[in-house]
Amino acid sequence: MSFGKRYQALGRLKRGERNKTEAAYEAFLLQQKAVGLIQDYWFEGVKLRLADNTFLTIDFAILGADGRISLHDTKGAPHLITDTAKVKLKTVREVYPFDIFIVTPRAKKDGGGWNLEEI
């Protein structure tokens, strides 16, 4: 097995490719855009420097209808949110003027949709 295939087998995708959660959230954002609740969004369009050699690429930067930009990091389930991810997102909140959310899918039995946890 080549390194690239092994790396992808561990859950990493090539830059710009979406996993199932990201693709589903993007479909939701397209609906939000179509009805004017957001102006636009960018997938992996924002890479923020947190410290020397420490960066965070945000899953979705969203331009709201009100002109504010918020950053949304998607996770497939709440238990997938690592302490490292939370620390990085809290650092972003302290350094940059963005509203930051961790987004997880809500169970179908609970009505589906998305949970947004503000950091």
Protein backbone atom coordinates (compact mmCIF):
# COMPACT_ATOMS: atom_id res chain seq x y z
CA MET A 1 0.00 0.00 0.00
CA SER A 2 1.42 3.38 -0.95
CA PHE A 3 1.66 6.16 1.61
CA GLY A 4 -1.09 8.15 -0.15
CA LYS A 5 -3.56 5.28 0.02
CA ARG A 6 -2.63 4.53 3.62
CA TYR A 7 -3.02 8.18 4.56
CA GLN A 8 -6.46 8.33 2.96
CA ALA A 9 -7.43 5.07 4.67
CA LEU A 10 -6.88 6.85 7.99
CA GLY A 11 -9.70 9.27 7.16
CA ARG A 12 -7.75 12.07 5.52
CA LEU A 13 -8.92 13.41 2.19
CA LYS A 14 -7.02 15.40 -0.39
CA ARG A 15 -7.30 19.16 0.01
CA GLY A 16 -10.60 20.38 -1.40
CA GLU A 17 -12.36 17.00 -1.13
CA ARG A 18 -15.32 16.71 1.20
CA ASN A 19 -16.17 13.89 3.56
CA LYS A 20 -19.82 12.83 4.01
CA THR A 21 -20.48 15.32 6.80
CA GLU A 22 -18.90 18.22 4.93
CA ALA A 23 -20.83 17.36 1.74
CA ALA A 24 -24.12 17.16 3.66
CA TYR A 25 -23.43 20.47 5.42
CA GLU A 26 -22.56 22.08 2.10
CA ALA A 27 -25.92 20.94 0.71
CA PHE A 28 -27.57 22.61 3.72
CA LEU A 29 -25.57 25.80 3.08
CA LEU A 30 -26.66 25.81 -0.57
CA GLN A 31 -30.28 25.75 0.63
CA GLN A 32 -29.56 28.58 3.07
CA LYS A 33 -28.00 30.60 0.25
CA ALA A 34 -30.91 29.91 -2.12
CA VAL A 35 -33.40 31.42 0.33
CA GLY A 36 -31.15 34.35 1.28
CA LEU A 37 -30.25 33.32 4.82
CA ILE A 38 -26.57 33.50 3.91
CA GLN A 39 -24.86 35.41 1.11
CA ASP A 40 -22.11 32.91 0.38
CA TYR A 41 -19.72 30.34 1.82
CA TRP A 42 -16.24 28.98 1.10
CA PHE A 43 -15.01 25.44 1.73
CA GLU A 44 -11.47 25.38 3.13
CA GLY A 45 -11.16 28.98 2.00
CA VAL A 46 -9.64 30.28 5.23
CA LYS A 47 -6.34 29.15 6.74
CA LEU A 48 -5.46 30.91 9.97
CA ARG A 49 -2.05 31.16 11.63
CA LEU A 50 -2.28 30.37 15.34
CA ALA A 51 1.45 30.37 16.15
CA ASP A 52 4.75 29.61 14.45
CA ASN A 53 4.18 26.52 12.29
CA THR A 54 0.65 26.11 13.66
CA PHE A 55 -2.28 26.68 11.32
CA LEU A 56 -5.95 25.81 11.20
CA THR A 57 -7.88 25.41 7.97
CA ILE A 58 -11.55 26.03 8.66
CA ASP A 59 -14.08 23.78 6.91
CA PHE A 60 -16.52 26.57 6.02
CA ALA A 61 -16.29 30.34 6.15
CA ILE A 62 -19.80 31.75 5.87
CA LEU A 63 -20.87 35.24 4.89
CA GLY A 64 -24.18 35.80 6.62
CA ALA A 65 -27.08 37.83 5.28
CA ASP A 66 -26.04 40.54 7.75
CA GLY A 67 -22.51 40.74 6.30
CA ARG A 68 -20.82 39.02 9.25
CA ILE A 69 -18.37 36.20 8.64
CA SER A 70 -18.57 33.10 10.81
CA LEU A 71 -16.35 30.03 10.78
CA HIS A 72 -17.87 26.55 10.93
CA ASP A 73 -15.82 23.40 11.58
CA THR A 74 -17.78 20.22 10.88
CA LYS A 75 -17.45 16.94 12.78
CA GLY A 76 -19.36 13.72 12.09
CA ALA A 77 -20.37 13.34 15.75
CA PRO A 78 -19.76 15.16 19.04
CA HIS A 79 -17.34 12.49 20.28
CA LEU A 80 -15.05 13.29 17.32
CA ILE A 81 -14.31 16.77 18.66
CA THR A 82 -10.82 16.46 20.10
CA ASP A 83 -9.40 18.60 22.88
CA THR A 84 -6.75 19.80 20.41
CA ALA A 85 -9.45 20.98 17.99
CA LYS A 86 -11.25 22.85 20.76
CA VAL A 87 -8.03 24.53 21.90
CA LYS A 88 -7.24 25.62 18.34
CA LEU A 89 -10.76 26.97 17.82
CA LYS A 90 -10.68 28.83 21.14
CA THR A 91 -7.35 30.33 20.12
CA VAL A 92 -8.89 31.50 16.85
CA ARG A 93 -11.74 33.12 18.79
CA GLU A 94 -9.27 35.01 20.97
CA VAL A 95 -7.10 36.21 18.07
CA TYR A 96 -9.54 36.81 15.21
CA PRO A 97 -12.89 38.68 15.08
CA PHE A 98 -15.06 35.76 13.94
CA ASP A 99 -17.95 33.85 15.44
CA ILE A 100 -16.79 30.21 15.54
CA PHE A 101 -18.97 27.10 15.62
CA ILE A 102 -18.45 23.36 15.75
CA VAL A 103 -21.15 21.76 13.60
CA THR A 104 -22.38 18.19 14.09
CA PRO A 105 -25.32 16.40 12.48
CA ARG A 106 -28.44 16.00 14.61
CA ALA A 107 -29.86 12.46 14.72
CA LYS A 108 -32.84 11.77 12.45
CA LYS A 109 -34.83 10.61 15.49
CA ASP A 110 -34.29 14.13 16.87
CA GLY A 111 -35.54 15.78 13.70
CA GLY A 112 -32.32 15.82 11.71
CA GLY A 113 -30.52 19.01 10.78
CA TRP A 114 -27.46 20.41 12.49
CA ASN A 115 -26.23 21.26 15.97
CA LEU A 116 -24.08 24.39 16.18
CA GLU A 117 -21.92 24.75 19.28
CA GLU A 118 -20.47 28.23 19.60
CA ILE A 119 -16.88 28.27 20.76
